[in-house]
Amino acid sequence: MVSPSRAAILELCSKAPVEHYPAGAVLMRQGEIGTYCLVILSGQVDIVAHSPLGETKRVASRGAGSVVGEYSLFEKERTASVITSAACTCARIPHAALLQMLNNSPPIAITFLAAALEKARETAVPEGFRNPA
C-alpha cells in the first residue's frame, strides 16, 4: 500500500495533540462532519460502514503509521466509522494543518493523493452502506 512518508507523518504529528483510546472506542462516526484526521501512533482500528437498514460491515483495518479520516477533508461527511479494535494512541490533525502541509509540499500532496486513491479502491463502501445523498 502507498502511504505518506514517515517524515511527512512526523511533521504532521509534531504539533498535534496526542490522545489515548481504549479498545472499542468510536473515534469517528459515519455521517458526521469531519474537521480532523488521525494518525495512528500505536494500536489498531477498524473502518466500519453502516447501512440505512442497520447492517454493519468492516471494510478495513489500520495500524500504526496509518492516517484515517482524511477523506472528510474533501467529502465533508465521514464516509465510515472508525472504531478501535485495540487500545490506540493517535495524533489529532486539524484539516487546516493537513491542507497547509499539502499546499506547501507538492510531493507530499501527491503521496497523500496516491494513498487516498489506493485506500478508496481497497475499502470501497458497498452501495447500500453509503450515506444517503
N, C-alpha and C. Protein backbone atom coordinates (compact mmCIF):
# COMPACT_ATOMS: atom_id res chain seq x y z
N MET A 1 0.85 -1.19 0.00
CA MET A 1 0.00 0.00 0.00
C MET A 1 0.88 1.24 0.00
N VAL A 2 0.53 2.22 -0.79
CA VAL A 2 1.22 3.51 -0.79
C VAL A 2 0.84 4.24 0.48
N SER A 3 1.81 4.88 1.11
CA SER A 3 1.48 5.66 2.30
C SER A 3 2.39 6.87 2.35
N PRO A 4 1.91 7.93 3.01
CA PRO A 4 2.74 9.12 3.14
C PRO A 4 4.06 8.75 3.82
N SER A 5 5.11 9.47 3.48
CA SER A 5 6.42 9.17 4.03
C SER A 5 6.43 9.34 5.55
N ARG A 6 7.34 8.65 6.18
CA ARG A 6 7.49 8.76 7.63
C ARG A 6 7.77 10.21 8.02
N ALA A 7 8.59 10.90 7.22
CA ALA A 7 8.91 12.31 7.51
C ALA A 7 7.65 13.17 7.46
N ALA A 8 6.79 12.92 6.49
CA ALA A 8 5.55 13.68 6.37
C ALA A 8 4.64 13.42 7.57
N ILE A 9 4.55 12.15 7.97
CA ILE A 9 3.73 11.80 9.13
C ILE A 9 4.28 12.46 10.38
N LEU A 10 5.60 12.39 10.56
CA LEU A 10 6.21 13.01 11.75
C LEU A 10 5.99 14.51 11.76
N GLU A 11 6.09 15.14 10.60
CA GLU A 11 5.85 16.59 10.54
C GLU A 11 4.41 16.92 10.91
N LEU A 12 3.48 16.14 10.40
CA LEU A 12 2.06 16.35 10.74
C LEU A 12 1.83 16.23 12.24
N CYS A 13 2.48 15.25 12.85
CA CYS A 13 2.25 14.94 14.26
C CYS A 13 3.02 15.83 15.23
N SER A 14 4.00 16.56 14.74
CA SER A 14 4.92 17.27 15.63
C SER A 14 4.23 18.26 16.56
N LYS A 15 3.16 18.88 16.14
CA LYS A 15 2.48 19.88 16.97
C LYS A 15 1.05 19.46 17.33
N ALA A 16 0.72 18.23 16.99
CA ALA A 16 -0.66 17.77 17.20
C ALA A 16 -0.85 17.22 18.60
N PRO A 17 -2.04 17.41 19.16
CA PRO A 17 -2.33 16.78 20.45
C PRO A 17 -2.40 15.26 20.28
N VAL A 18 -1.91 14.54 21.27
CA VAL A 18 -1.92 13.09 21.26
C VAL A 18 -3.02 12.62 22.21
N GLU A 19 -3.82 11.67 21.73
CA GLU A 19 -4.94 11.16 22.51
C GLU A 19 -4.84 9.65 22.65
N HIS A 20 -5.30 9.12 23.77
CA HIS A 20 -5.26 7.69 24.04
C HIS A 20 -6.70 7.18 24.12
N TYR A 21 -6.95 6.01 23.51
CA TYR A 21 -8.29 5.44 23.47
C TYR A 21 -8.25 3.97 23.85
N PRO A 22 -9.24 3.49 24.58
CA PRO A 22 -9.31 2.06 24.89
C PRO A 22 -9.87 1.28 23.69
N ALA A 23 -9.75 -0.01 23.72
CA ALA A 23 -10.38 -0.85 22.70
C ALA A 23 -11.89 -0.61 22.71
N GLY A 24 -12.49 -0.57 21.54
CA GLY A 24 -13.94 -0.38 21.42
C GLY A 24 -14.38 1.07 21.36
N ALA A 25 -13.45 2.02 21.40
CA ALA A 25 -13.82 3.44 21.34
C ALA A 25 -14.16 3.84 19.90
N VAL A 26 -15.21 4.62 19.75
CA VAL A 26 -15.59 5.15 18.44
C VAL A 26 -14.84 6.46 18.25
N LEU A 27 -13.91 6.49 17.29
CA LEU A 27 -13.10 7.68 17.05
C LEU A 27 -13.76 8.63 16.06
N MET A 28 -14.50 8.07 15.11
CA MET A 28 -15.22 8.86 14.11
C MET A 28 -16.50 8.13 13.77
N ARG A 29 -17.56 8.89 13.51
CA ARG A 29 -18.85 8.29 13.18
C ARG A 29 -19.22 8.62 11.73
N GLN A 30 -19.66 7.59 11.03
CA GLN A 30 -20.13 7.75 9.66
C GLN A 30 -21.23 8.81 9.64
N GLY A 31 -21.13 9.75 8.71
CA GLY A 31 -22.15 10.78 8.55
C GLY A 31 -21.85 12.08 9.27
N GLU A 32 -20.98 12.05 10.29
CA GLU A 32 -20.66 13.31 10.98
C GLU A 32 -19.76 14.17 10.09
N ILE A 33 -19.77 15.46 10.34
CA ILE A 33 -18.90 16.37 9.60
C ILE A 33 -17.49 16.25 10.18
N GLY A 34 -16.53 16.01 9.30
CA GLY A 34 -15.16 15.84 9.75
C GLY A 34 -14.39 17.15 9.71
N THR A 35 -13.62 17.39 10.76
CA THR A 35 -12.78 18.59 10.82
C THR A 35 -11.33 18.24 11.12
N TYR A 36 -11.04 16.95 11.23
CA TYR A 36 -9.70 16.49 11.57
C TYR A 36 -9.50 15.08 11.02
N CYS A 37 -8.25 14.68 10.96
CA CYS A 37 -7.91 13.29 10.71
C CYS A 37 -7.05 12.81 11.87
N LEU A 38 -6.82 11.53 11.94
CA LEU A 38 -6.00 10.96 13.00
C LEU A 38 -4.84 10.19 12.38
N VAL A 39 -3.69 10.30 13.00
CA VAL A 39 -2.56 9.44 12.67
C VAL A 39 -2.46 8.42 13.79
N ILE A 40 -2.53 7.16 13.45
CA ILE A 40 -2.46 6.11 14.46
C ILE A 40 -0.98 5.92 14.82
N LEU A 41 -0.66 6.21 16.06
CA LEU A 41 0.72 6.08 16.53
C LEU A 41 0.98 4.68 17.08
N SER A 42 -0.02 4.09 17.70
CA SER A 42 0.06 2.71 18.16
C SER A 42 -1.35 2.15 18.25
N GLY A 43 -1.46 0.84 18.14
CA GLY A 43 -2.77 0.20 18.22
C GLY A 43 -3.35 -0.13 16.87
N GLN A 44 -4.64 -0.41 16.86
CA GLN A 44 -5.33 -0.88 15.65
C GLN A 44 -6.75 -0.34 15.64
N VAL A 45 -7.24 0.02 14.45
CA VAL A 45 -8.64 0.45 14.30
C VAL A 45 -9.29 -0.33 13.17
N ASP A 46 -10.61 -0.42 13.24
CA ASP A 46 -11.41 -0.97 12.15
C ASP A 46 -12.18 0.17 11.50
N ILE A 47 -12.26 0.12 10.18
CA ILE A 47 -13.08 1.06 9.41
C ILE A 47 -14.39 0.31 9.15
N VAL A 48 -15.51 0.88 9.61
CA VAL A 48 -16.79 0.18 9.59
C VAL A 48 -17.84 1.04 8.88
N ALA A 49 -18.57 0.40 7.96
CA ALA A 49 -19.66 1.08 7.26
C ALA A 49 -21.00 0.58 7.79
N HIS A 50 -21.96 1.50 7.87
CA HIS A 50 -23.30 1.19 8.38
C HIS A 50 -24.31 1.47 7.28
N SER A 51 -25.20 0.52 7.02
CA SER A 51 -26.25 0.73 6.02
C SER A 51 -27.45 1.40 6.68
N PRO A 52 -28.32 2.03 5.88
CA PRO A 52 -29.54 2.61 6.43
C PRO A 52 -30.45 1.55 7.09
N LEU A 53 -30.25 0.28 6.73
CA LEU A 53 -31.06 -0.80 7.29
C LEU A 53 -30.47 -1.35 8.59
N GLY A 54 -29.39 -0.75 9.07
CA GLY A 54 -28.80 -1.16 10.32
C GLY A 54 -27.72 -2.23 10.20
N GLU A 55 -27.37 -2.60 8.98
CA GLU A 55 -26.30 -3.57 8.79
C GLU A 55 -24.95 -2.88 9.00
N THR A 56 -23.98 -3.64 9.45
CA THR A 56 -22.63 -3.13 9.67
C THR A 56 -21.65 -4.02 8.95
N LYS A 57 -20.65 -3.39 8.31
CA LYS A 57 -19.64 -4.16 7.59
C LYS A 57 -18.27 -3.54 7.84
N ARG A 58 -17.31 -4.38 8.27
CA ARG A 58 -15.93 -3.91 8.42
C ARG A 58 -15.31 -3.90 7.03
N VAL A 59 -14.83 -2.74 6.60
CA VAL A 59 -14.27 -2.62 5.26
C VAL A 59 -12.74 -2.58 5.26
N ALA A 60 -12.12 -2.34 6.43
CA ALA A 60 -10.65 -2.33 6.51
C ALA A 60 -10.21 -2.26 7.95
N SER A 61 -8.94 -2.55 8.16
CA SER A 61 -8.28 -2.35 9.45
C SER A 61 -7.03 -1.53 9.18
N ARG A 62 -6.65 -0.71 10.14
CA ARG A 62 -5.45 0.12 10.01
C ARG A 62 -4.68 0.09 11.32
N GLY A 63 -3.35 0.20 11.20
CA GLY A 63 -2.50 0.18 12.37
C GLY A 63 -1.56 1.36 12.41
N ALA A 64 -0.54 1.24 13.24
CA ALA A 64 0.42 2.33 13.46
C ALA A 64 0.98 2.85 12.14
N GLY A 65 1.04 4.18 12.04
CA GLY A 65 1.55 4.85 10.85
C GLY A 65 0.47 5.20 9.85
N SER A 66 -0.74 4.71 10.05
CA SER A 66 -1.84 4.99 9.12
C SER A 66 -2.52 6.32 9.45
N VAL A 67 -3.05 6.94 8.42
CA VAL A 67 -3.86 8.14 8.56
C VAL A 67 -5.30 7.73 8.29
N VAL A 68 -6.22 8.12 9.17
CA VAL A 68 -7.65 7.85 8.96
C VAL A 68 -8.42 9.16 9.11
N GLY A 69 -9.51 9.25 8.35
CA GLY A 69 -10.37 10.43 8.45
C GLY A 69 -10.03 11.54 7.48
N GLU A 70 -9.01 11.33 6.65
CA GLU A 70 -8.61 12.40 5.73
C GLU A 70 -9.61 12.59 4.60
N TYR A 71 -10.45 11.60 4.31
CA TYR A 71 -11.45 11.76 3.25
C TYR A 71 -12.39 12.92 3.52
N SER A 72 -12.70 13.15 4.79
CA SER A 72 -13.65 14.21 5.12
C SER A 72 -13.07 15.60 4.82
N LEU A 73 -11.80 15.66 4.53
CA LEU A 73 -11.20 16.92 4.06
C LEU A 73 -11.88 17.34 2.75
N PHE A 74 -12.29 16.35 1.96
CA PHE A 74 -12.89 16.61 0.65
C PHE A 74 -14.38 16.28 0.62
N GLU A 75 -14.78 15.24 1.35
CA GLU A 75 -16.17 14.78 1.34
C GLU A 75 -17.04 15.49 2.36
N LYS A 76 -16.41 16.13 3.34
CA LYS A 76 -17.05 16.80 4.48
C LYS A 76 -17.63 15.80 5.46
N GLU A 77 -18.57 14.95 5.03
CA GLU A 77 -19.14 13.95 5.94
C GLU A 77 -18.24 12.73 6.00
N ARG A 78 -18.14 12.14 7.16
CA ARG A 78 -17.40 10.90 7.31
C ARG A 78 -18.09 9.80 6.51
N THR A 79 -17.33 9.06 5.72
CA THR A 79 -17.92 8.01 4.87
C THR A 79 -18.01 6.67 5.59
N ALA A 80 -17.38 6.56 6.75
CA ALA A 80 -17.42 5.33 7.55
C ALA A 80 -17.08 5.70 8.99
N SER A 81 -17.29 4.76 9.87
CA SER A 81 -16.91 4.95 11.27
C SER A 81 -15.53 4.33 11.49
N VAL A 82 -14.82 4.85 12.48
CA VAL A 82 -13.52 4.30 12.87
C VAL A 82 -13.62 3.91 14.34
N ILE A 83 -13.38 2.63 14.61
CA ILE A 83 -13.53 2.08 15.95
C ILE A 83 -12.25 1.34 16.33
N THR A 84 -11.74 1.61 17.52
CA THR A 84 -10.52 0.94 17.94
C THR A 84 -10.79 -0.55 18.17
N SER A 85 -9.93 -1.40 17.62
CA SER A 85 -10.03 -2.84 17.87
C SER A 85 -9.01 -3.25 18.94
N ALA A 86 -8.12 -2.34 19.28
CA ALA A 86 -7.16 -2.48 20.37
C ALA A 86 -6.93 -1.08 20.92
N ALA A 87 -6.38 -0.99 22.11
CA ALA A 87 -6.07 0.33 22.65
C ALA A 87 -5.18 1.08 21.65
N CYS A 88 -5.45 2.38 21.48
CA CYS A 88 -4.74 3.18 20.48
C CYS A 88 -4.24 4.49 21.06
N THR A 89 -3.16 4.95 20.47
CA THR A 89 -2.67 6.30 20.70
C THR A 89 -2.67 6.96 19.33
N CYS A 90 -3.28 8.14 19.25
CA CYS A 90 -3.43 8.83 17.96
C CYS A 90 -3.07 10.31 18.09
N ALA A 91 -2.53 10.85 17.02
CA ALA A 91 -2.32 12.30 16.92
C ALA A 91 -3.49 12.88 16.14
N ARG A 92 -4.08 13.93 16.68
CA ARG A 92 -5.25 14.57 16.06
C ARG A 92 -4.77 15.73 15.20
N ILE A 93 -5.01 15.64 13.89
CA ILE A 93 -4.53 16.62 12.93
C ILE A 93 -5.71 17.44 12.38
N PRO A 94 -5.80 18.72 12.72
CA PRO A 94 -6.88 19.54 12.15
C PRO A 94 -6.74 19.61 10.62
N HIS A 95 -7.85 19.65 9.93
CA HIS A 95 -7.81 19.74 8.47
C HIS A 95 -6.97 20.93 8.00
N ALA A 96 -7.01 22.04 8.72
CA ALA A 96 -6.23 23.21 8.31
C ALA A 96 -4.74 22.90 8.27
N ALA A 97 -4.24 22.14 9.25
CA ALA A 97 -2.82 21.77 9.27
C ALA A 97 -2.48 20.83 8.12
N LEU A 98 -3.37 19.88 7.84
CA LEU A 98 -3.14 18.97 6.72
C LEU A 98 -3.15 19.73 5.40
N LEU A 99 -4.11 20.61 5.23
CA LEU A 99 -4.17 21.41 4.00
C LEU A 99 -2.92 22.26 3.81
N GLN A 100 -2.45 22.86 4.89
CA GLN A 100 -1.25 23.68 4.82
C GLN A 100 -0.06 22.84 4.36
N MET A 101 0.09 21.64 4.92
CA MET A 101 1.19 20.77 4.52
C MET A 101 1.06 20.38 3.04
N LEU A 102 -0.14 20.03 2.62
CA LEU A 102 -0.35 19.62 1.23
C LEU A 102 -0.08 20.78 0.27
N ASN A 103 -0.48 21.99 0.65
CA ASN A 103 -0.23 23.17 -0.19
C ASN A 103 1.25 23.51 -0.27
N ASN A 104 1.98 23.29 0.82
CA ASN A 104 3.39 23.66 0.87
C ASN A 104 4.32 22.62 0.27
N SER A 105 3.84 21.41 0.06
CA SER A 105 4.71 20.35 -0.43
C SER A 105 4.00 19.49 -1.48
N PRO A 106 4.14 19.85 -2.76
CA PRO A 106 3.52 19.03 -3.81
C PRO A 106 3.91 17.55 -3.76
N PRO A 107 5.18 17.18 -3.46
CA PRO A 107 5.48 15.75 -3.40
C PRO A 107 4.68 15.02 -2.31
N ILE A 108 4.52 15.67 -1.15
CA ILE A 108 3.72 15.06 -0.08
C ILE A 108 2.25 15.00 -0.51
N ALA A 109 1.77 16.03 -1.16
CA ALA A 109 0.38 16.05 -1.64
C ALA A 109 0.14 14.90 -2.62
N ILE A 110 1.08 14.65 -3.51
CA ILE A 110 0.93 13.55 -4.47
C ILE A 110 0.92 12.21 -3.75
N THR A 111 1.77 12.06 -2.75
CA THR A 111 1.81 10.80 -1.98
C THR A 111 0.49 10.59 -1.25
N PHE A 112 -0.05 11.65 -0.63
CA PHE A 112 -1.35 11.54 0.05
C PHE A 112 -2.45 11.20 -0.95
N LEU A 113 -2.43 11.81 -2.12
CA LEU A 113 -3.43 11.53 -3.14
C LEU A 113 -3.35 10.07 -3.58
N ALA A 114 -2.14 9.59 -3.84
CA ALA A 114 -1.97 8.20 -4.25
C ALA A 114 -2.46 7.25 -3.16
N ALA A 115 -2.12 7.56 -1.90
CA ALA A 115 -2.57 6.72 -0.79
C ALA A 115 -4.10 6.74 -0.67
N ALA A 116 -4.69 7.91 -0.83
CA ALA A 116 -6.16 8.03 -0.74
C ALA A 116 -6.85 7.23 -1.85
N LEU A 117 -6.31 7.30 -3.05
CA LEU A 117 -6.91 6.55 -4.17
C LEU A 117 -6.79 5.05 -3.93
N GLU A 118 -5.65 4.61 -3.45
CA GLU A 118 -5.47 3.19 -3.16
C GLU A 118 -6.42 2.73 -2.05
N LYS A 119 -6.55 3.55 -1.01
CA LYS A 119 -7.48 3.21 0.07
C LYS A 119 -8.91 3.18 -0.45
N ALA A 120 -9.26 4.09 -1.35
CA ALA A 120 -10.62 4.12 -1.90
C ALA A 120 -10.92 2.84 -2.65
N ARG A 121 -9.97 2.37 -3.44
CA ARG A 121 -10.17 1.12 -4.16
C ARG A 121 -10.28 -0.06 -3.19
N GLU A 122 -9.41 -0.07 -2.20
CA GLU A 122 -9.36 -1.19 -1.26
C GLU A 122 -10.58 -1.25 -0.35
N THR A 123 -11.07 -0.10 0.05
CA THR A 123 -12.13 -0.05 1.06
C THR A 123 -13.45 0.46 0.51
N ALA A 124 -13.68 0.31 -0.78
CA ALA A 124 -14.91 0.81 -1.37
C ALA A 124 -16.11 0.35 -0.54
N VAL A 125 -16.86 1.30 -0.06
CA VAL A 125 -18.03 1.00 0.76
C VAL A 125 -19.16 0.57 -0.18
N PRO A 126 -19.77 -0.59 0.09
CA PRO A 126 -20.86 -1.06 -0.77
C PRO A 126 -21.99 -0.03 -0.86
N GLU A 127 -22.64 0.01 -1.99
CA GLU A 127 -23.69 1.00 -2.28
C GLU A 127 -24.71 1.11 -1.15
N GLY A 128 -25.23 0.02 -0.64
CA GLY A 128 -26.25 0.06 0.40
C GLY A 128 -25.77 0.57 1.75
N PHE A 129 -24.44 0.74 1.89
CA PHE A 129 -23.88 1.19 3.17
C PHE A 129 -23.46 2.65 3.13
N ARG A 130 -23.57 3.30 1.99
CA ARG A 130 -23.15 4.70 1.85
C ARG A 130 -24.17 5.63 2.48
N ASN A 131 -23.69 6.83 2.83
CA ASN A 131 -24.60 7.85 3.36
C ASN A 131 -25.61 8.21 2.28
N PRO A 132 -26.87 8.38 2.65
CA PRO A 132 -27.86 8.79 1.66
C PRO A 132 -27.51 10.17 1.11
N ALA A 133 -27.74 10.36 -0.18
CA ALA A 133 -27.40 11.65 -0.82
C ALA A 133 -28.41 12.71 -0.47
